[in-house]
Amino acid sequence: VNIIVGSHVWVEDPTVAWIDGEVFKISGEEVHVQTTNGKTAVANISKVFPKDTEAPPGGVDDMTKLSYLHEPGVLHNLAMRYELNEIYTYTGNILIAINPFQRLPHLYDTHMMEQYKGAAFGELNPHVFAVADVAYRAMMNEGKSNSILVSGESGAGKTETTKMLMRYLAYLGGRSGVEGRTVEQQVLESNPVLEAFGNAKTVRNNNSR
């Protein structure tokens, strides 16, 4: 991408990681940027990234729609969606989830599960249920085992995400149960036992799983 005087770009910032601004001078490999916080930043041209000035203010639900798929662009898009309480974003068929640090029961109730049941991937807003539904349908239609990989830093919400996946899969799997308990109830009740075998203390989380 050609960076010229007048280009809107992202440059590294010690406080907020990345900040946007406009190029006002280029001296060899050095790019001088007037940032939106009123300061001047000087960076090597290899550390300067173009900003998508046509991106919607609330971000996009699938980051393959971004003009530039680089670190500052991705982080800015996720931040914009997070401010709107949109904690899920796709990158193709990969789901990115950000810990909301609050309970959002309306996102995981039975009504929401019913909406995603059988819906085409990408038809509805990004959601962990959509990923689970794709895996479940592929398993049922093709008769093959499927896996869902949940990864992230300690405290990012992997355990909670896994619980939601299990709950949705159990919901799809049937409602007839043993001793009046649904399949969903039985699976969720077994979760603490499974967690006990994988408990550990990490630098960021005293109760990591």
N, C-alpha and C. Protein backbone atom coordinates (compact mmCIF):
# COMPACT_ATOMS: atom_id res chain seq x y z
N VAL A 1 0.85 -1.19 0.00
CA VAL A 1 0.00 0.00 0.00
C VAL A 1 0.88 1.24 0.00
N ASN A 2 0.59 2.18 -0.83
CA ASN A 2 1.39 3.39 -0.97
C ASN A 2 0.99 4.43 0.08
N ILE A 3 1.93 4.76 0.97
CA ILE A 3 1.69 5.78 1.98
C ILE A 3 2.24 7.11 1.46
N ILE A 4 1.38 8.12 1.36
CA ILE A 4 1.79 9.43 0.86
C ILE A 4 1.31 10.51 1.82
N VAL A 5 1.77 11.74 1.61
CA VAL A 5 1.31 12.87 2.41
C VAL A 5 -0.20 13.01 2.21
N GLY A 6 -0.92 13.10 3.33
CA GLY A 6 -2.38 13.18 3.27
C GLY A 6 -3.06 11.86 3.56
N SER A 7 -2.29 10.76 3.59
CA SER A 7 -2.87 9.44 3.87
C SER A 7 -3.35 9.37 5.33
N HIS A 8 -4.48 8.72 5.53
CA HIS A 8 -4.96 8.44 6.89
C HIS A 8 -4.40 7.09 7.30
N VAL A 9 -3.71 7.08 8.44
CA VAL A 9 -2.95 5.89 8.82
C VAL A 9 -3.10 5.58 10.31
N TRP A 10 -2.55 4.41 10.66
CA TRP A 10 -2.41 4.00 12.06
C TRP A 10 -0.92 3.95 12.40
N VAL A 11 -0.57 4.45 13.58
CA VAL A 11 0.82 4.34 14.06
C VAL A 11 0.78 3.85 15.50
N GLU A 12 1.87 3.24 15.93
CA GLU A 12 1.94 2.73 17.30
C GLU A 12 1.92 3.87 18.31
N ASP A 13 1.28 3.60 19.45
CA ASP A 13 1.19 4.58 20.52
C ASP A 13 1.45 3.88 21.85
N PRO A 14 2.30 4.45 22.72
CA PRO A 14 2.64 3.78 23.98
C PRO A 14 1.48 3.67 24.96
N THR A 15 0.45 4.49 24.78
CA THR A 15 -0.68 4.49 25.71
C THR A 15 -1.84 3.62 25.25
N VAL A 16 -2.23 3.77 23.99
CA VAL A 16 -3.42 3.06 23.49
C VAL A 16 -3.09 2.03 22.41
N ALA A 17 -1.84 1.65 22.31
CA ALA A 17 -1.35 0.64 21.35
C ALA A 17 -1.28 1.19 19.93
N TRP A 18 -2.41 1.65 19.39
CA TRP A 18 -2.44 2.22 18.04
C TRP A 18 -3.31 3.48 18.05
N ILE A 19 -2.88 4.47 17.28
CA ILE A 19 -3.68 5.69 17.16
C ILE A 19 -3.69 6.12 15.70
N ASP A 20 -4.80 6.70 15.29
CA ASP A 20 -4.93 7.11 13.89
C ASP A 20 -4.51 8.57 13.72
N GLY A 21 -4.20 8.91 12.49
CA GLY A 21 -3.78 10.27 12.18
C GLY A 21 -3.57 10.45 10.69
N GLU A 22 -3.01 11.60 10.33
CA GLU A 22 -2.79 11.92 8.92
C GLU A 22 -1.32 12.23 8.67
N VAL A 23 -0.79 11.66 7.61
CA VAL A 23 0.61 11.88 7.24
C VAL A 23 0.78 13.31 6.72
N PHE A 24 1.75 14.05 7.30
CA PHE A 24 2.00 15.41 6.82
C PHE A 24 3.41 15.58 6.26
N LYS A 25 4.25 14.55 6.44
CA LYS A 25 5.62 14.65 5.93
C LYS A 25 6.23 13.26 5.83
N ILE A 26 7.00 13.03 4.78
CA ILE A 26 7.73 11.77 4.62
C ILE A 26 9.18 12.11 4.29
N SER A 27 10.10 11.61 5.13
CA SER A 27 11.53 11.84 4.92
C SER A 27 12.22 10.49 4.81
N GLY A 28 12.45 10.05 3.59
CA GLY A 28 13.06 8.74 3.39
C GLY A 28 12.15 7.65 3.91
N GLU A 29 12.63 6.93 4.94
CA GLU A 29 11.84 5.85 5.54
C GLU A 29 11.02 6.33 6.73
N GLU A 30 11.18 7.60 7.10
CA GLU A 30 10.46 8.13 8.25
C GLU A 30 9.17 8.82 7.82
N VAL A 31 8.10 8.48 8.53
CA VAL A 31 6.79 9.06 8.25
C VAL A 31 6.37 9.90 9.45
N HIS A 32 5.99 11.14 9.20
CA HIS A 32 5.54 12.05 10.25
C HIS A 32 4.02 12.13 10.20
N VAL A 33 3.40 11.86 11.35
CA VAL A 33 1.94 11.77 11.41
C VAL A 33 1.37 12.72 12.46
N GLN A 34 0.36 13.48 12.07
CA GLN A 34 -0.39 14.30 13.02
C GLN A 34 -1.53 13.43 13.54
N THR A 35 -1.43 13.02 14.81
CA THR A 35 -2.41 12.08 15.35
C THR A 35 -3.67 12.79 15.84
N THR A 36 -4.71 12.01 16.03
CA THR A 36 -6.01 12.58 16.41
C THR A 36 -6.03 13.09 17.86
N ASN A 37 -4.99 12.77 18.63
CA ASN A 37 -4.93 13.32 19.99
C ASN A 37 -4.10 14.60 20.04
N GLY A 38 -3.80 15.15 18.85
CA GLY A 38 -3.11 16.43 18.78
C GLY A 38 -1.60 16.37 18.85
N LYS A 39 -1.05 15.17 18.86
CA LYS A 39 0.40 15.02 18.94
C LYS A 39 0.99 14.67 17.58
N THR A 40 2.31 14.68 17.54
CA THR A 40 3.02 14.30 16.32
C THR A 40 3.78 13.01 16.58
N ALA A 41 3.65 12.06 15.67
CA ALA A 41 4.35 10.78 15.80
C ALA A 41 5.25 10.59 14.59
N VAL A 42 6.42 10.03 14.84
CA VAL A 42 7.36 9.72 13.77
C VAL A 42 7.63 8.22 13.81
N ALA A 43 7.44 7.54 12.70
CA ALA A 43 7.62 6.09 12.66
C ALA A 43 8.22 5.66 11.33
N ASN A 44 8.88 4.51 11.37
CA ASN A 44 9.38 3.93 10.13
C ASN A 44 8.20 3.54 9.26
N ILE A 45 8.34 3.69 7.97
CA ILE A 45 7.22 3.43 7.07
C ILE A 45 6.70 1.99 7.17
N SER A 46 7.58 1.07 7.61
CA SER A 46 7.16 -0.33 7.76
C SER A 46 6.24 -0.51 8.96
N LYS A 47 6.20 0.50 9.86
CA LYS A 47 5.37 0.43 11.06
C LYS A 47 4.11 1.31 10.94
N VAL A 48 3.87 1.80 9.73
CA VAL A 48 2.70 2.65 9.49
C VAL A 48 1.71 1.88 8.62
N PHE A 49 0.44 1.86 9.05
CA PHE A 49 -0.58 1.08 8.34
C PHE A 49 -1.73 1.97 7.89
N PRO A 50 -2.23 1.73 6.68
CA PRO A 50 -3.33 2.56 6.17
C PRO A 50 -4.62 2.34 6.96
N LYS A 51 -5.40 3.41 7.10
CA LYS A 51 -6.68 3.32 7.78
C LYS A 51 -7.81 3.29 6.76
N ASP A 52 -8.78 2.43 7.01
CA ASP A 52 -9.95 2.33 6.14
C ASP A 52 -10.93 3.45 6.51
N THR A 53 -10.91 4.52 5.75
CA THR A 53 -11.76 5.68 6.07
C THR A 53 -13.23 5.46 5.70
N GLU A 54 -13.51 4.39 4.97
CA GLU A 54 -14.89 4.12 4.56
C GLU A 54 -15.57 3.06 5.42
N ALA A 55 -14.86 2.57 6.43
CA ALA A 55 -15.45 1.55 7.32
C ALA A 55 -16.59 2.18 8.12
N PRO A 56 -17.68 1.45 8.33
CA PRO A 56 -18.81 1.99 9.10
C PRO A 56 -18.39 2.29 10.54
N PRO A 57 -18.96 3.32 11.16
CA PRO A 57 -18.56 3.71 12.52
C PRO A 57 -18.75 2.63 13.57
N GLY A 58 -19.69 1.73 13.34
CA GLY A 58 -19.93 0.66 14.31
C GLY A 58 -19.16 -0.61 14.01
N GLY A 59 -18.27 -0.56 13.01
CA GLY A 59 -17.50 -1.74 12.64
C GLY A 59 -18.28 -2.68 11.74
N VAL A 60 -17.63 -3.76 11.32
CA VAL A 60 -18.27 -4.76 10.47
C VAL A 60 -18.35 -6.08 11.23
N ASP A 61 -19.38 -6.89 10.92
CA ASP A 61 -19.58 -8.14 11.66
C ASP A 61 -18.68 -9.27 11.16
N ASP A 62 -18.08 -9.09 9.97
CA ASP A 62 -17.13 -10.06 9.43
C ASP A 62 -15.91 -9.28 8.93
N MET A 63 -14.77 -9.53 9.54
CA MET A 63 -13.60 -8.71 9.24
C MET A 63 -12.98 -9.00 7.88
N THR A 64 -13.49 -10.01 7.17
CA THR A 64 -13.04 -10.17 5.79
C THR A 64 -13.61 -9.05 4.92
N LYS A 65 -14.55 -8.29 5.46
CA LYS A 65 -15.12 -7.14 4.74
C LYS A 65 -14.24 -5.90 4.86
N LEU A 66 -13.25 -5.93 5.75
CA LEU A 66 -12.37 -4.78 5.93
C LEU A 66 -11.45 -4.61 4.73
N SER A 67 -11.16 -3.38 4.39
CA SER A 67 -10.24 -3.11 3.28
C SER A 67 -8.82 -3.54 3.63
N TYR A 68 -8.45 -3.38 4.92
CA TYR A 68 -7.10 -3.72 5.37
C TYR A 68 -7.20 -4.62 6.60
N LEU A 69 -6.71 -5.83 6.48
CA LEU A 69 -6.79 -6.79 7.59
C LEU A 69 -5.45 -6.83 8.31
N HIS A 70 -5.13 -5.75 9.01
CA HIS A 70 -3.89 -5.67 9.79
C HIS A 70 -4.24 -5.45 11.26
N GLU A 71 -3.23 -5.54 12.13
CA GLU A 71 -3.48 -5.50 13.57
C GLU A 71 -4.29 -4.28 14.02
N PRO A 72 -3.88 -3.05 13.70
CA PRO A 72 -4.67 -1.90 14.17
C PRO A 72 -6.09 -1.88 13.62
N GLY A 73 -6.26 -2.31 12.38
CA GLY A 73 -7.59 -2.34 11.79
C GLY A 73 -8.49 -3.34 12.48
N VAL A 74 -7.94 -4.51 12.79
CA VAL A 74 -8.70 -5.55 13.48
C VAL A 74 -9.08 -5.10 14.89
N LEU A 75 -8.10 -4.57 15.63
CA LEU A 75 -8.37 -4.13 17.00
C LEU A 75 -9.38 -2.99 17.05
N HIS A 76 -9.27 -2.07 16.11
CA HIS A 76 -10.22 -0.95 16.07
C HIS A 76 -11.63 -1.45 15.78
N ASN A 77 -11.75 -2.38 14.86
CA ASN A 77 -13.07 -2.92 14.52
C ASN A 77 -13.69 -3.63 15.73
N LEU A 78 -12.89 -4.43 16.42
CA LEU A 78 -13.39 -5.14 17.60
C LEU A 78 -13.79 -4.15 18.69
N ALA A 79 -12.99 -3.08 18.85
CA ALA A 79 -13.30 -2.08 19.88
C ALA A 79 -14.60 -1.36 19.58
N MET A 80 -14.82 -1.02 18.31
CA MET A 80 -16.05 -0.32 17.92
C MET A 80 -17.27 -1.20 18.19
N ARG A 81 -17.17 -2.48 17.89
CA ARG A 81 -18.29 -3.39 18.12
C ARG A 81 -18.50 -3.62 19.62
N TYR A 82 -17.41 -3.70 20.36
CA TYR A 82 -17.49 -3.93 21.80
C TYR A 82 -18.23 -2.78 22.49
N GLU A 83 -18.00 -1.56 22.02
CA GLU A 83 -18.68 -0.40 22.59
C GLU A 83 -20.19 -0.47 22.39
N LEU A 84 -20.62 -1.24 21.39
CA LEU A 84 -22.05 -1.42 21.12
C LEU A 84 -22.58 -2.72 21.73
N ASN A 85 -21.76 -3.33 22.64
CA ASN A 85 -22.10 -4.61 23.27
C ASN A 85 -22.19 -5.75 22.28
N GLU A 86 -21.50 -5.61 21.14
CA GLU A 86 -21.41 -6.69 20.16
C GLU A 86 -20.11 -7.44 20.45
N ILE A 87 -20.19 -8.50 21.22
CA ILE A 87 -18.97 -9.17 21.67
C ILE A 87 -18.48 -10.24 20.69
N TYR A 88 -19.29 -10.56 19.69
CA TYR A 88 -18.90 -11.58 18.70
C TYR A 88 -18.67 -10.95 17.33
N THR A 89 -17.60 -11.39 16.68
CA THR A 89 -17.27 -10.92 15.33
C THR A 89 -16.66 -12.07 14.55
N TYR A 90 -17.03 -12.20 13.29
CA TYR A 90 -16.46 -13.24 12.43
C TYR A 90 -15.21 -12.74 11.72
N THR A 91 -14.33 -13.67 11.42
CA THR A 91 -13.28 -13.48 10.41
C THR A 91 -13.40 -14.70 9.53
N GLY A 92 -14.21 -14.60 8.49
CA GLY A 92 -14.54 -15.78 7.70
C GLY A 92 -15.40 -16.71 8.54
N ASN A 93 -14.94 -17.96 8.70
CA ASN A 93 -15.70 -18.91 9.53
C ASN A 93 -15.12 -19.05 10.93
N ILE A 94 -14.25 -18.12 11.31
CA ILE A 94 -13.69 -18.08 12.66
C ILE A 94 -14.47 -17.05 13.47
N LEU A 95 -14.84 -17.42 14.70
CA LEU A 95 -15.56 -16.50 15.57
C LEU A 95 -14.62 -15.93 16.62
N ILE A 96 -14.57 -14.61 16.71
CA ILE A 96 -13.78 -13.94 17.75
C ILE A 96 -14.75 -13.47 18.82
N ALA A 97 -14.46 -13.84 20.07
CA ALA A 97 -15.32 -13.45 21.19
C ALA A 97 -14.49 -12.62 22.18
N ILE A 98 -15.08 -11.54 22.67
CA ILE A 98 -14.42 -10.70 23.66
C ILE A 98 -15.21 -10.78 24.97
N ASN A 99 -14.50 -11.02 26.06
CA ASN A 99 -15.13 -11.14 27.37
C ASN A 99 -15.85 -9.83 27.72
N PRO A 100 -17.17 -9.87 27.92
CA PRO A 100 -17.92 -8.64 28.24
C PRO A 100 -17.80 -8.23 29.71
N PHE A 101 -17.27 -9.13 30.55
CA PHE A 101 -17.14 -8.88 31.99
C PHE A 101 -18.47 -8.49 32.62
N GLN A 102 -19.52 -9.06 32.10
CA GLN A 102 -20.86 -8.89 32.67
C GLN A 102 -21.73 -10.00 32.11
N ARG A 103 -22.82 -10.27 32.79
CA ARG A 103 -23.73 -11.30 32.31
C ARG A 103 -24.66 -10.73 31.25
N LEU A 104 -24.83 -11.47 30.17
CA LEU A 104 -25.72 -11.07 29.09
C LEU A 104 -26.70 -12.21 28.81
N PRO A 105 -27.61 -12.48 29.74
CA PRO A 105 -28.50 -13.64 29.61
C PRO A 105 -29.34 -13.65 28.35
N HIS A 106 -29.69 -12.49 27.83
CA HIS A 106 -30.54 -12.43 26.64
C HIS A 106 -29.84 -13.01 25.41
N LEU A 107 -28.51 -13.09 25.46
CA LEU A 107 -27.76 -13.63 24.32
C LEU A 107 -27.78 -15.15 24.26
N TYR A 108 -28.19 -15.79 25.36
CA TYR A 108 -28.06 -17.24 25.44
C TYR A 108 -29.34 -17.95 25.87
N ASP A 109 -30.46 -17.26 25.84
CA ASP A 109 -31.70 -17.90 26.29
C ASP A 109 -32.26 -18.84 25.21
N THR A 110 -33.33 -19.52 25.56
CA THR A 110 -33.93 -20.51 24.65
C THR A 110 -34.40 -19.87 23.35
N HIS A 111 -34.91 -18.67 23.44
CA HIS A 111 -35.37 -17.97 22.23
C HIS A 111 -34.22 -17.76 21.25
N MET A 112 -33.05 -17.40 21.78
CA MET A 112 -31.89 -17.18 20.93
C MET A 112 -31.43 -18.50 20.31
N MET A 113 -31.45 -19.58 21.09
CA MET A 113 -31.05 -20.88 20.55
C MET A 113 -31.99 -21.31 19.42
N GLU A 114 -33.26 -21.03 19.59
CA GLU A 114 -34.24 -21.40 18.57
C GLU A 114 -33.99 -20.63 17.27
N GLN A 115 -33.55 -19.38 17.39
CA GLN A 115 -33.26 -18.57 16.21
C GLN A 115 -32.12 -19.14 15.38
N TYR A 116 -31.08 -19.62 16.07
CA TYR A 116 -29.89 -20.10 15.35
C TYR A 116 -30.03 -21.55 14.89
N LYS A 117 -31.04 -22.24 15.38
CA LYS A 117 -31.25 -23.63 15.02
C LYS A 117 -31.53 -23.76 13.52
N GLY A 118 -30.60 -24.36 12.80
CA GLY A 118 -30.76 -24.59 11.37
C GLY A 118 -30.51 -23.39 10.48
N ALA A 119 -30.17 -22.25 11.06
CA ALA A 119 -29.93 -21.04 10.26
C ALA A 119 -28.60 -21.16 9.51
N ALA A 120 -28.55 -20.65 8.29
CA ALA A 120 -27.31 -20.68 7.51
C ALA A 120 -26.26 -19.82 8.18
N PHE A 121 -25.01 -20.30 8.14
CA PHE A 121 -23.92 -19.56 8.77
C PHE A 121 -23.78 -18.19 8.11
N GLY A 122 -23.77 -17.14 8.93
CA GLY A 122 -23.65 -15.79 8.41
C GLY A 122 -24.97 -15.10 8.17
N GLU A 123 -26.05 -15.86 8.27
CA GLU A 123 -27.38 -15.28 8.04
C GLU A 123 -27.78 -14.37 9.20
N LEU A 124 -27.42 -14.78 10.42
CA LEU A 124 -27.72 -14.00 11.61
C LEU A 124 -26.44 -13.36 12.15
N ASN A 125 -26.56 -12.56 13.18
CA ASN A 125 -25.39 -11.92 13.79
C ASN A 125 -24.39 -12.97 14.28
N PRO A 126 -23.10 -12.63 14.29
CA PRO A 126 -22.10 -13.57 14.80
C PRO A 126 -22.45 -14.05 16.20
N HIS A 127 -22.30 -15.35 16.43
CA HIS A 127 -22.68 -15.92 17.73
C HIS A 127 -22.03 -17.29 17.88
N VAL A 128 -21.75 -17.66 19.12
CA VAL A 128 -21.18 -18.97 19.39
C VAL A 128 -22.16 -20.08 18.99
N PHE A 129 -23.47 -19.80 19.07
CA PHE A 129 -24.46 -20.79 18.67
C PHE A 129 -24.37 -21.11 17.18
N ALA A 130 -24.01 -20.11 16.37
CA ALA A 130 -23.89 -20.33 14.93
C ALA A 130 -22.77 -21.32 14.62
N VAL A 131 -21.66 -21.19 15.34
CA VAL A 131 -20.53 -22.11 15.15
C VAL A 131 -20.93 -23.52 15.57
N ALA A 132 -21.60 -23.61 16.71
CA ALA A 132 -22.05 -24.92 17.20
C ALA A 132 -23.04 -25.55 16.24
N ASP A 133 -23.91 -24.75 15.66
CA ASP A 133 -24.92 -25.28 14.75
C ASP A 133 -24.28 -25.85 13.49
N VAL A 134 -23.26 -25.17 12.96
CA VAL A 134 -22.56 -25.66 11.77
C VAL A 134 -21.93 -27.02 12.05
N ALA A 135 -21.26 -27.13 13.21
CA ALA A 135 -20.61 -28.40 13.56
C ALA A 135 -21.64 -29.51 13.75
N TYR A 136 -22.74 -29.19 14.40
CA TYR A 136 -23.78 -30.19 14.65
C TYR A 136 -24.41 -30.67 13.34
N ARG A 137 -24.73 -29.73 12.45
CA ARG A 137 -25.35 -30.10 11.17
C ARG A 137 -24.41 -30.95 10.32
N ALA A 138 -23.13 -30.58 10.33
CA ALA A 138 -22.15 -31.36 9.56
C ALA A 138 -22.03 -32.77 10.10
N MET A 139 -22.07 -32.89 11.43
CA MET A 139 -21.99 -34.20 12.06
C MET A 139 -23.21 -35.05 11.70
N MET A 140 -24.38 -34.45 11.75
CA MET A 140 -25.60 -35.19 11.47
C MET A 140 -25.77 -35.51 9.99
N ASN A 141 -25.44 -34.56 9.13
CA ASN A 141 -25.66 -34.74 7.69
C ASN A 141 -24.60 -35.61 7.03
N GLU A 142 -23.35 -35.50 7.50
CA GLU A 142 -22.25 -36.23 6.89
C GLU A 142 -21.83 -37.46 7.68
N GLY A 143 -22.32 -37.56 8.91
CA GLY A 143 -21.99 -38.71 9.73
C GLY A 143 -20.53 -38.75 10.15
N LYS A 144 -19.90 -37.58 10.25
CA LYS A 144 -18.48 -37.51 10.62
C LYS A 144 -18.32 -36.72 11.92
N SER A 145 -17.27 -37.07 12.66
CA SER A 145 -16.98 -36.33 13.88
C SER A 145 -16.56 -34.91 13.54
N ASN A 146 -16.94 -33.98 14.38
CA ASN A 146 -16.56 -32.58 14.20
C ASN A 146 -15.97 -32.04 15.50
N SER A 147 -15.08 -31.08 15.38
CA SER A 147 -14.46 -30.47 16.55
C SER A 147 -14.61 -28.96 16.50
N ILE A 148 -14.72 -28.36 17.66
CA ILE A 148 -14.73 -26.90 17.78
C ILE A 148 -13.58 -26.52 18.69
N LEU A 149 -12.63 -25.76 18.18
CA LEU A 149 -11.46 -25.35 18.95
C LEU A 149 -11.74 -24.00 19.61
N VAL A 150 -11.63 -23.97 20.93
CA VAL A 150 -11.81 -22.72 21.69
C VAL A 150 -10.46 -22.36 22.29
N SER A 151 -9.87 -21.27 21.85
CA SER A 151 -8.55 -20.88 22.34
C SER A 151 -8.56 -19.43 22.79
N GLY A 152 -7.58 -19.05 23.59
CA GLY A 152 -7.49 -17.68 24.08
C GLY A 152 -6.65 -17.60 25.34
N GLU A 153 -6.40 -16.38 25.78
CA GLU A 153 -5.61 -16.16 26.98
C GLU A 153 -6.39 -16.59 28.22
N SER A 154 -5.66 -16.74 29.32
CA SER A 154 -6.30 -17.05 30.59
C SER A 154 -7.22 -15.90 30.97
N GLY A 155 -8.46 -16.24 31.30
CA GLY A 155 -9.43 -15.21 31.67
C GLY A 155 -10.18 -14.63 30.50
N ALA A 156 -9.92 -15.13 29.30
CA ALA A 156 -10.58 -14.57 28.11
C ALA A 156 -12.04 -15.02 28.00
N GLY A 157 -12.38 -16.11 28.68
CA GLY A 157 -13.76 -16.59 28.63
C GLY A 157 -13.92 -17.93 27.94
N LYS A 158 -12.84 -18.71 27.87
CA LYS A 158 -12.90 -20.01 27.18
C LYS A 158 -13.88 -20.96 27.87
N THR A 159 -13.84 -20.99 29.19
CA THR A 159 -14.71 -21.91 29.93
C THR A 159 -16.17 -21.55 29.72
N GLU A 160 -16.50 -20.27 29.81
CA GLU A 160 -17.88 -19.84 29.61
C GLU A 160 -18.34 -20.12 28.18
N THR A 161 -17.45 -19.90 27.22
CA THR A 161 -17.79 -20.17 25.82
C THR A 161 -18.06 -21.66 25.62
N THR A 162 -17.23 -22.49 26.23
CA THR A 162 -17.42 -23.94 26.13
C THR A 162 -18.75 -24.36 26.74
N LYS A 163 -19.12 -23.74 27.85
CA LYS A 163 -20.42 -24.04 28.47
C LYS A 163 -21.57 -23.71 27.52
N MET A 164 -21.44 -22.58 26.84
CA MET A 164 -22.50 -22.17 25.90
C MET A 164 -22.58 -23.14 24.72
N LEU A 165 -21.42 -23.58 24.24
CA LEU A 165 -21.39 -24.57 23.16
C LEU A 165 -22.07 -25.86 23.60
N MET A 166 -21.71 -26.33 24.79
CA MET A 166 -22.29 -27.57 25.31
C MET A 166 -23.80 -27.44 25.50
N ARG A 167 -24.20 -26.29 25.99
CA ARG A 167 -25.63 -26.07 26.22
C ARG A 167 -26.41 -26.11 24.91
N TYR A 168 -25.85 -25.46 23.88
CA TYR A 168 -26.55 -25.41 22.60
C TYR A 168 -26.58 -26.79 21.95
N LEU A 169 -25.46 -27.50 22.00
CA LEU A 169 -25.42 -28.84 21.40
C LEU A 169 -26.37 -29.79 22.11
N ALA A 170 -26.45 -29.65 23.44
CA ALA A 170 -27.38 -30.48 24.20
C ALA A 170 -28.82 -30.12 23.85
N TYR A 171 -29.07 -28.85 23.62
CA TYR A 171 -30.40 -28.38 23.23
C TYR A 171 -30.81 -28.99 21.89
N LEU A 172 -29.87 -29.05 20.95
CA LEU A 172 -30.15 -29.64 19.65
C LEU A 172 -30.28 -31.15 19.73
N GLY A 173 -29.54 -31.74 20.68
CA GLY A 173 -29.44 -33.19 20.74
C GLY A 173 -30.69 -33.90 21.22
N GLY A 174 -31.60 -33.20 21.83
CA GLY A 174 -32.82 -33.85 22.28
C GLY A 174 -33.24 -33.38 23.64
N ARG A 175 -34.52 -33.56 23.91
CA ARG A 175 -35.05 -33.07 25.18
C ARG A 175 -35.54 -34.19 26.09
N SER A 176 -35.51 -35.41 25.59
CA SER A 176 -35.92 -36.52 26.44
C SER A 176 -34.76 -36.85 27.37
N GLY A 177 -35.04 -37.07 28.63
CA GLY A 177 -33.96 -37.28 29.58
C GLY A 177 -34.21 -38.45 30.50
N VAL A 178 -33.27 -38.65 31.39
CA VAL A 178 -33.36 -39.70 32.40
C VAL A 178 -33.90 -39.07 33.68
N GLU A 179 -34.84 -39.72 34.32
CA GLU A 179 -35.43 -39.24 35.56
C GLU A 179 -35.96 -37.82 35.42
N GLY A 180 -36.54 -37.53 34.26
CA GLY A 180 -37.15 -36.23 34.05
C GLY A 180 -36.19 -35.12 33.71
N ARG A 181 -34.89 -35.42 33.64
CA ARG A 181 -33.90 -34.38 33.33
C ARG A 181 -33.60 -34.39 31.84
N THR A 182 -33.49 -33.22 31.25
CA THR A 182 -33.19 -33.13 29.83
C THR A 182 -31.72 -33.45 29.59
N VAL A 183 -31.40 -33.73 28.32
CA VAL A 183 -30.00 -33.96 27.95
C VAL A 183 -29.17 -32.73 28.31
N GLU A 184 -29.73 -31.56 28.07
CA GLU A 184 -29.02 -30.31 28.38
C GLU A 184 -28.67 -30.24 29.86
N GLN A 185 -29.62 -30.56 30.73
CA GLN A 185 -29.38 -30.52 32.17
C GLN A 185 -28.29 -31.50 32.58
N GLN A 186 -28.33 -32.70 32.02
CA GLN A 186 -27.34 -33.71 32.37
C GLN A 186 -25.93 -33.30 31.96
N VAL A 187 -25.81 -32.72 30.76
CA VAL A 187 -24.49 -32.29 30.29
C VAL A 187 -23.95 -31.17 31.15
N LEU A 188 -24.79 -30.17 31.44
CA LEU A 188 -24.33 -29.03 32.23
C LEU A 188 -24.01 -29.42 33.67
N GLU A 189 -24.74 -30.39 34.20
CA GLU A 189 -24.47 -30.84 35.56
C GLU A 189 -23.15 -31.59 35.67
N SER A 190 -22.72 -32.19 34.56
CA SER A 190 -21.45 -32.92 34.57
C SER A 190 -20.25 -31.99 34.40
N ASN A 191 -20.49 -30.75 33.99
CA ASN A 191 -19.40 -29.83 33.69
C ASN A 191 -18.46 -29.57 34.87
N PRO A 192 -18.96 -29.34 36.11
CA PRO A 192 -18.04 -29.12 37.23
C PRO A 192 -17.09 -30.29 37.47
N VAL A 193 -17.56 -31.50 37.22
CA VAL A 193 -16.70 -32.68 37.38
C VAL A 193 -15.58 -32.65 36.35
N LEU A 194 -15.92 -32.33 35.10
CA LEU A 194 -14.92 -32.25 34.04
C LEU A 194 -13.91 -31.15 34.34
N GLU A 195 -14.39 -30.01 34.85
CA GLU A 195 -13.51 -28.89 35.15
C GLU A 195 -12.52 -29.24 36.25
N ALA A 196 -12.95 -30.05 37.20
CA ALA A 196 -12.09 -30.40 38.33
C ALA A 196 -10.81 -31.11 37.89
N PHE A 197 -10.88 -31.82 36.75
CA PHE A 197 -9.72 -32.54 36.26
C PHE A 197 -8.76 -31.63 35.48
N GLY A 198 -9.21 -30.43 35.15
CA GLY A 198 -8.36 -29.55 34.36
C GLY A 198 -8.14 -28.20 35.00
N ASN A 199 -8.20 -28.16 36.33
CA ASN A 199 -8.05 -26.90 37.04
C ASN A 199 -6.59 -26.57 37.27
N ALA A 200 -6.25 -25.28 37.18
CA ALA A 200 -4.87 -24.87 37.41
C ALA A 200 -4.84 -23.40 37.79
N LYS A 201 -3.75 -22.98 38.40
CA LYS A 201 -3.55 -21.58 38.74
C LYS A 201 -2.55 -20.99 37.76
N THR A 202 -2.89 -19.86 37.16
CA THR A 202 -1.99 -19.19 36.22
C THR A 202 -1.70 -17.78 36.73
N VAL A 203 -0.82 -17.09 36.02
CA VAL A 203 -0.45 -15.73 36.42
C VAL A 203 -1.66 -14.80 36.43
N ARG A 204 -2.59 -15.03 35.50
CA ARG A 204 -3.73 -14.13 35.35
C ARG A 204 -5.02 -14.64 35.96
N ASN A 205 -5.05 -15.91 36.32
CA ASN A 205 -6.31 -16.49 36.76
C ASN A 205 -6.05 -17.57 37.79
N ASN A 206 -6.58 -17.38 39.01
CA ASN A 206 -6.38 -18.37 40.06
C ASN A 206 -7.21 -19.63 39.85
N ASN A 207 -8.17 -19.54 38.96
CA ASN A 207 -9.08 -20.67 38.74
C ASN A 207 -9.20 -20.97 37.26
N SER A 208 -8.05 -21.13 36.60
CA SER A 208 -8.04 -21.35 35.16
C SER A 208 -8.38 -22.79 34.86
N ARG A 209 -8.97 -23.00 33.65
CA ARG A 209 -9.35 -24.35 33.25
C ARG A 209 -8.88 -24.63 31.85
